Amino acid sequence: MPKKANIIINVNENLEKALRQLKKKIEREGVVRDMKRIVYHEPPTQKRRKRLMRAIKQNLVRMAAQKIV
């Protein structure tokens, strides 16, 4: 069962600013990613490959951050 996103945005005067905040929060929550995962069938091999590529990328970022510090 997919998780429900509860996103709250206060709209005062600037509607464009509120829309940007909404888009950022939706992106951080992963709402679009979850919806795409539900709508499109992804074979298990592709899931594993994506997970592996994500792990490699995160590892590279961590290694780069350690070199800077």
PDB file of N, CA and C in Angstrom:
ATOM      1  N   MET A   1       0.846  -1.187   0.000  1.00  0.00           N
ATOM      2  CA  MET A   1       0.000   0.000   0.000  1.00  0.00           C
ATOM      3  C   MET A   1       0.885   1.242   0.000  1.00  0.00           C
ATOM      4  N   PRO A   2       0.654   2.173  -0.915  1.00  0.00           N
ATOM      5  CA  PRO A   2       1.490   3.374  -0.979  1.00  0.00           C
ATOM      6  C   PRO A   2       1.267   4.275   0.216  1.00  0.00           C
ATOM      7  N   LYS A   3       2.336   4.966   0.593  1.00  0.00           N
ATOM      8  CA  LYS A   3       2.219   5.880   1.714  1.00  0.00           C
ATOM      9  C   LYS A   3       1.522   7.155   1.280  1.00  0.00           C
ATOM     10  N   LYS A   4       0.857   7.812   2.208  1.00  0.00           N
ATOM     11  CA  LYS A   4       0.169   9.058   1.907  1.00  0.00           C
ATOM     12  C   LYS A   4       1.067  10.225   2.261  1.00  0.00           C
ATOM     13  N   ALA A   5       1.099  11.205   1.394  1.00  0.00           N
ATOM     14  CA  ALA A   5       1.910  12.395   1.635  1.00  0.00           C
ATOM     15  C   ALA A   5       1.021  13.476   2.249  1.00  0.00           C
ATOM     16  N   ASN A   6       1.503  14.079   3.305  1.00  0.00           N
ATOM     17  CA  ASN A   6       0.777  15.155   3.960  1.00  0.00           C
ATOM     18  C   ASN A   6       1.661  16.398   3.872  1.00  0.00           C
ATOM     19  N   ILE A   7       1.384  17.239   2.879  1.00  0.00           N
ATOM     20  CA  ILE A   7       2.209  18.412   2.630  1.00  0.00           C
ATOM     21  C   ILE A   7       1.371  19.653   2.874  1.00  0.00           C
ATOM     22  N   ILE A   8       1.890  20.532   3.731  1.00  0.00           N
ATOM     23  CA  ILE A   8       1.176  21.759   4.073  1.00  0.00           C
ATOM     24  C   ILE A   8       1.995  22.958   3.615  1.00  0.00           C
ATOM     25  N   ILE A   9       1.364  23.850   2.867  1.00  0.00           N
ATOM     26  CA  ILE A   9       2.007  25.074   2.381  1.00  0.00           C
ATOM     27  C   ILE A   9       1.123  26.251   2.778  1.00  0.00           C
ATOM     28  N   ASN A  10       1.734  27.263   3.385  1.00  0.00           N
ATOM     29  CA  ASN A  10       1.001  28.476   3.718  1.00  0.00           C
ATOM     30  C   ASN A  10       1.081  29.451   2.555  1.00  0.00           C
ATOM     31  N   VAL A  11      -0.069  29.877   2.049  1.00  0.00           N
ATOM     32  CA  VAL A  11      -0.118  30.836   0.945  1.00  0.00           C
ATOM     33  C   VAL A  11      -0.519  32.187   1.528  1.00  0.00           C
ATOM     34  N   ASN A  12       0.430  33.104   1.546  1.00  0.00           N
ATOM     35  CA  ASN A  12       0.149  34.436   2.058  1.00  0.00           C
ATOM     36  C   ASN A  12      -0.177  35.391   0.908  1.00  0.00           C
ATOM     37  N   GLU A  13       0.834  35.932   0.289  1.00  0.00           N
ATOM     38  CA  GLU A  13       0.609  36.885  -0.793  1.00  0.00           C
ATOM     39  C   GLU A  13       1.138  36.373  -2.125  1.00  0.00           C
ATOM     40  N   ASN A  14       2.332  35.790  -2.101  1.00  0.00           N
ATOM     41  CA  ASN A  14       3.005  35.413  -3.333  1.00  0.00           C
ATOM     42  C   ASN A  14       2.657  33.973  -3.710  1.00  0.00           C
ATOM     43  N   LEU A  15       1.824  33.833  -4.710  1.00  0.00           N
ATOM     44  CA  LEU A  15       1.392  32.507  -5.144  1.00  0.00           C
ATOM     45  C   LEU A  15       2.530  31.738  -5.808  1.00  0.00           C
ATOM     46  N   GLU A  16       3.370  32.416  -6.581  1.00  0.00           N
ATOM     47  CA  GLU A  16       4.482  31.759  -7.256  1.00  0.00           C
ATOM     48  C   GLU A  16       5.443  31.148  -6.248  1.00  0.00           C
ATOM     49  N   LYS A  17       5.701  31.882  -5.162  1.00  0.00           N
ATOM     50  CA  LYS A  17       6.595  31.386  -4.116  1.00  0.00           C
ATOM     51  C   LYS A  17       6.000  30.131  -3.459  1.00  0.00           C
ATOM     52  N   ALA A  18       4.694  30.163  -3.220  1.00  0.00           N
ATOM     53  CA  ALA A  18       4.020  29.013  -2.614  1.00  0.00           C
ATOM     54  C   ALA A  18       4.086  27.798  -3.542  1.00  0.00           C
ATOM     55  N   LEU A  19       3.939  28.020  -4.851  1.00  0.00           N
ATOM     56  CA  LEU A  19       4.029  26.912  -5.802  1.00  0.00           C
ATOM     57  C   LEU A  19       5.432  26.321  -5.820  1.00  0.00           C
ATOM     58  N   ARG A  20       6.454  27.168  -5.760  1.00  0.00           N
ATOM     59  CA  ARG A  20       7.835  26.666  -5.725  1.00  0.00           C
ATOM     60  C   ARG A  20       8.062  25.835  -4.469  1.00  0.00           C
ATOM     61  N   GLN A  21       7.556  26.319  -3.333  1.00  0.00           N
ATOM     62  CA  GLN A  21       7.698  25.565  -2.079  1.00  0.00           C
ATOM     63  C   GLN A  21       7.002  24.214  -2.186  1.00  0.00           C
ATOM     64  N   LEU A  22       5.807  24.205  -2.781  1.00  0.00           N
ATOM     65  CA  LEU A  22       5.057  22.962  -2.939  1.00  0.00           C
ATOM     66  C   LEU A  22       5.839  21.974  -3.804  1.00  0.00           C
ATOM     67  N   LYS A  23       6.388  22.457  -4.915  1.00  0.00           N
ATOM     68  CA  LYS A  23       7.155  21.575  -5.800  1.00  0.00           C
ATOM     69  C   LYS A  23       8.369  21.007  -5.088  1.00  0.00           C
ATOM     70  N   LYS A  24       9.063  21.827  -4.307  1.00  0.00           N
ATOM     71  CA  LYS A  24      10.237  21.349  -3.582  1.00  0.00           C
ATOM     72  C   LYS A  24       9.850  20.287  -2.555  1.00  0.00           C
ATOM     73  N   LYS A  25       8.764  20.542  -1.816  1.00  0.00           N
ATOM     74  CA  LYS A  25       8.340  19.582  -0.798  1.00  0.00           C
ATOM     75  C   LYS A  25       7.890  18.277  -1.433  1.00  0.00           C
ATOM     76  N   ILE A  26       7.187  18.360  -2.556  1.00  0.00           N
ATOM     77  CA  ILE A  26       6.751  17.150  -3.254  1.00  0.00           C
ATOM     78  C   ILE A  26       7.963  16.355  -3.716  1.00  0.00           C
ATOM     79  N   GLU A  27       8.976  17.066  -4.224  1.00  0.00           N
ATOM     80  CA  GLU A  27      10.185  16.385  -4.689  1.00  0.00           C
ATOM     81  C   GLU A  27      10.913  15.715  -3.532  1.00  0.00           C
ATOM     82  N   ARG A  28      11.027  16.420  -2.395  1.00  0.00           N
ATOM     83  CA  ARG A  28      11.711  15.845  -1.228  1.00  0.00           C
ATOM     84  C   ARG A  28      10.979  14.635  -0.680  1.00  0.00           C
ATOM     85  N   GLU A  29       9.661  14.689  -0.679  1.00  0.00           N
ATOM     86  CA  GLU A  29       8.865  13.574  -0.162  1.00  0.00           C
ATOM     87  C   GLU A  29       8.903  12.366  -1.097  1.00  0.00           C
ATOM     88  N   GLY A  30       9.225  12.594  -2.366  1.00  0.00           N
ATOM     89  CA  GLY A  30       9.279  11.498  -3.329  1.00  0.00           C
ATOM     90  C   GLY A  30       7.921  11.096  -3.848  1.00  0.00           C
ATOM     91  N   VAL A  31       6.979  12.026  -3.847  1.00  0.00           N
ATOM     92  CA  VAL A  31       5.617  11.717  -4.283  1.00  0.00           C
ATOM     93  C   VAL A  31       5.590  11.313  -5.752  1.00  0.00           C
ATOM     94  N   VAL A  32       6.264  12.084  -6.597  1.00  0.00           N
ATOM     95  CA  VAL A  32       6.261  11.799  -8.030  1.00  0.00           C
ATOM     96  C   VAL A  32       6.948  10.469  -8.298  1.00  0.00           C
ATOM     97  N   ARG A  33       8.052  10.230  -7.625  1.00  0.00           N
ATOM     98  CA  ARG A  33       8.791   8.978  -7.817  1.00  0.00           C
ATOM     99  C   ARG A  33       7.912   7.783  -7.446  1.00  0.00           C
ATOM    100  N   ASP A  34       7.186   7.895  -6.327  1.00  0.00           N
ATOM    101  CA  ASP A  34       6.303   6.812  -5.903  1.00  0.00           C
ATOM    102  C   ASP A  34       5.173   6.593  -6.903  1.00  0.00           C
ATOM    103  N   MET A  35       4.613   7.704  -7.422  1.00  0.00           N
ATOM    104  CA  MET A  35       3.523   7.575  -8.391  1.00  0.00           C
ATOM    105  C   MET A  35       4.012   6.891  -9.664  1.00  0.00           C
ATOM    106  N   LYS A  36       5.207   7.268 -10.130  1.00  0.00           N
ATOM    107  CA  LYS A  36       5.754   6.630 -11.329  1.00  0.00           C
ATOM    108  C   LYS A  36       5.996   5.147 -11.081  1.00  0.00           C
ATOM    109  N   ARG A  37       6.458   4.807  -9.895  1.00  0.00           N
ATOM    110  CA  ARG A  37       6.726   3.411  -9.561  1.00  0.00           C
ATOM    111  C   ARG A  37       5.436   2.596  -9.594  1.00  0.00           C
ATOM    112  N   ILE A  38       4.340   3.196  -9.166  1.00  0.00           N
ATOM    113  CA  ILE A  38       3.057   2.491  -9.148  1.00  0.00           C
ATOM    114  C   ILE A  38       2.491   2.358 -10.560  1.00  0.00           C
ATOM    115  N   VAL A  39       2.599   3.433 -11.349  1.00  0.00           N
ATOM    116  CA  VAL A  39       1.976   3.447 -12.674  1.00  0.00           C
ATOM    117  C   VAL A  39       2.713   2.555 -13.663  1.00  0.00           C
ATOM    118  N   TYR A  40       4.043   2.615 -13.665  1.00  0.00           N
ATOM    119  CA  TYR A  40       4.821   1.867 -14.644  1.00  0.00           C
ATOM    120  C   TYR A  40       5.385   0.600 -14.017  1.00  0.00           C
ATOM    121  N   HIS A  41       5.275  -0.498 -14.750  1.00  0.00           N
ATOM    122  CA  HIS A  41       5.853  -1.754 -14.272  1.00  0.00           C
ATOM    123  C   HIS A  41       7.346  -1.730 -14.537  1.00  0.00           C
ATOM    124  N   GLU A  42       8.114  -2.066 -13.536  1.00  0.00           N
ATOM    125  CA  GLU A  42       9.558  -2.102 -13.667  1.00  0.00           C
ATOM    126  C   GLU A  42      10.033  -3.516 -13.328  1.00  0.00           C
ATOM    127  N   PRO A  43      10.723  -4.157 -14.246  1.00  0.00           N
ATOM    128  CA  PRO A  43      11.200  -5.513 -13.979  1.00  0.00           C
ATOM    129  C   PRO A  43      12.179  -5.528 -12.807  1.00  0.00           C
ATOM    130  N   PRO A  44      12.253  -6.641 -12.085  1.00  0.00           N
ATOM    131  CA  PRO A  44      13.156  -6.739 -10.936  1.00  0.00           C
ATOM    132  C   PRO A  44      14.605  -6.451 -11.281  1.00  0.00           C
ATOM    133  N   THR A  45      15.023  -6.822 -12.497  1.00  0.00           N
ATOM    134  CA  THR A  45      16.416  -6.558 -12.879  1.00  0.00           C
ATOM    135  C   THR A  45      16.683  -5.063 -12.965  1.00  0.00           C
ATOM    136  N   GLN A  46      15.711  -4.305 -13.465  1.00  0.00           N
ATOM    137  CA  GLN A  46      15.875  -2.850 -13.535  1.00  0.00           C
ATOM    138  C   GLN A  46      15.885  -2.237 -12.136  1.00  0.00           C
ATOM    139  N   LYS A  47      15.049  -2.760 -11.249  1.00  0.00           N
ATOM    140  CA  LYS A  47      15.026  -2.254  -9.868  1.00  0.00           C
ATOM    141  C   LYS A  47      16.390  -2.448  -9.214  1.00  0.00           C
ATOM    142  N   ARG A  48      16.956  -3.656  -9.386  1.00  0.00           N
ATOM    143  CA  ARG A  48      18.270  -3.930  -8.805  1.00  0.00           C
ATOM    144  C   ARG A  48      19.335  -3.015  -9.399  1.00  0.00           C
ATOM    145  N   ARG A  49      19.280  -2.830 -10.711  1.00  0.00           N
ATOM    146  CA  ARG A  49      20.269  -1.977 -11.380  1.00  0.00           C
ATOM    147  C   ARG A  49      20.174  -0.536 -10.878  1.00  0.00           C
ATOM    148  N   LYS A  50      18.955  -0.013 -10.749  1.00  0.00           N
ATOM    149  CA  LYS A  50      18.777   1.357 -10.252  1.00  0.00           C
ATOM    150  C   LYS A  50      19.292   1.484  -8.829  1.00  0.00           C
ATOM    151  N   ARG A  51      18.978   0.478  -7.993  1.00  0.00           N
ATOM    152  CA  ARG A  51      19.437   0.499  -6.607  1.00  0.00           C
ATOM    153  C   ARG A  51      20.958   0.486  -6.541  1.00  0.00           C
ATOM    154  N   LEU A  52      21.589  -0.339  -7.394  1.00  0.00           N
ATOM    155  CA  LEU A  52      23.041  -0.411  -7.446  1.00  0.00           C
ATOM    156  C   LEU A  52      23.646   0.914  -7.910  1.00  0.00           C
ATOM    157  N   MET A  53      23.071   1.509  -8.949  1.00  0.00           N
ATOM    158  CA  MET A  53      23.593   2.784  -9.460  1.00  0.00           C
ATOM    159  C   MET A  53      23.442   3.887  -8.410  1.00  0.00           C
ATOM    160  N   ARG A  54      22.326   3.886  -7.693  1.00  0.00           N
ATOM    161  CA  ARG A  54      22.115   4.876  -6.630  1.00  0.00           C
ATOM    162  C   ARG A  54      23.151   4.698  -5.526  1.00  0.00           C
ATOM    163  N   ALA A  55      23.445   3.442  -5.166  1.00  0.00           N
ATOM    164  CA  ALA A  55      24.430   3.170  -4.121  1.00  0.00           C
ATOM    165  C   ALA A  55      25.820   3.619  -4.552  1.00  0.00           C
ATOM    166  N   ILE A  56      26.166   3.370  -5.804  1.00  0.00           N
ATOM    167  CA  ILE A  56      27.475   3.795  -6.312  1.00  0.00           C
ATOM    168  C   ILE A  56      27.593   5.315  -6.267  1.00  0.00           C
ATOM    169  N   LYS A  57      26.551   5.995  -6.705  1.00  0.00           N
ATOM    170  CA  LYS A  57      26.569   7.463  -6.722  1.00  0.00           C
ATOM    171  C   LYS A  57      26.691   8.019  -5.307  1.00  0.00           C
ATOM    172  N   GLN A  58      25.927   7.481  -4.365  1.00  0.00           N
ATOM    173  CA  GLN A  58      25.996   7.954  -2.984  1.00  0.00           C
ATOM    174  C   GLN A  58      27.381   7.701  -2.399  1.00  0.00           C
ATOM    175  N   ASN A  59      27.972   6.570  -2.735  1.00  0.00           N
ATOM    176  CA  ASN A  59      29.306   6.250  -2.245  1.00  0.00           C
ATOM    177  C   ASN A  59      30.333   7.237  -2.788  1.00  0.00           C
ATOM    178  N   LEU A  60      30.225   7.583  -4.071  1.00  0.00           N
ATOM    179  CA  LEU A  60      31.140   8.564  -4.663  1.00  0.00           C
ATOM    180  C   LEU A  60      31.005   9.930  -3.984  1.00  0.00           C
ATOM    181  N   VAL A  61      29.774  10.318  -3.695  1.00  0.00           N
ATOM    182  CA  VAL A  61      29.538  11.606  -3.023  1.00  0.00           C
ATOM    183  C   VAL A  61      30.150  11.582  -1.623  1.00  0.00           C
ATOM    184  N   ARG A  62      29.959  10.474  -0.909  1.00  0.00           N
ATOM    185  CA  ARG A  62      30.535  10.361   0.429  1.00  0.00           C
ATOM    186  C   ARG A  62      32.055  10.428   0.395  1.00  0.00           C
ATOM    187  N   MET A  63      32.642   9.737  -0.576  1.00  0.00           N
ATOM    188  CA  MET A  63      34.109   9.743  -0.690  1.00  0.00           C
ATOM    189  C   MET A  63      34.621  11.143  -1.020  1.00  0.00           C
ATOM    190  N   ALA A  64      33.923  11.850  -1.890  1.00  0.00           N
ATOM    191  CA  ALA A  64      34.321  13.210  -2.239  1.00  0.00           C
ATOM    192  C   ALA A  64      34.200  14.132  -1.035  1.00  0.00           C
ATOM    193  N   ALA A  65      33.172  13.953  -0.229  1.00  0.00           N
ATOM    194  CA  ALA A  65      32.976  14.784   0.959  1.00  0.00           C
ATOM    195  C   ALA A  65      34.074  14.518   1.987  1.00  0.00           C
ATOM    196  N   GLN A  66      34.526  13.283   2.101  1.00  0.00           N
ATOM    197  CA  GLN A  66      35.585  12.952   3.045  1.00  0.00           C
ATOM    198  C   GLN A  66      36.918  13.562   2.618  1.00  0.00           C
ATOM    199  N   LYS A  67      37.156  13.631   1.310  1.00  0.00           N
ATOM    200  CA  LYS A  67      38.397  14.222   0.812  1.00  0.00           C
ATOM    201  C   LYS A  67      38.426  15.724   1.060  1.00  0.00           C
ATOM    202  N   ILE A  68      37.273  16.362   0.997  1.00  0.00           N
ATOM    203  CA  ILE A  68      37.208  17.811   1.212  1.00  0.00           C
ATOM    204  C   ILE A  68      37.479  18.148   2.655  1.00  0.00           C
ATOM    205  N   VAL A  69      36.930  17.365   3.560  1.00  0.00           N
ATOM    206  CA  VAL A  69      37.086  17.632   4.997  1.00  0.00           C
ATOM    207  C   VAL A  69      38.408  17.247   5.494  1.00  0.00           C
TER     208      VAL A  69
END
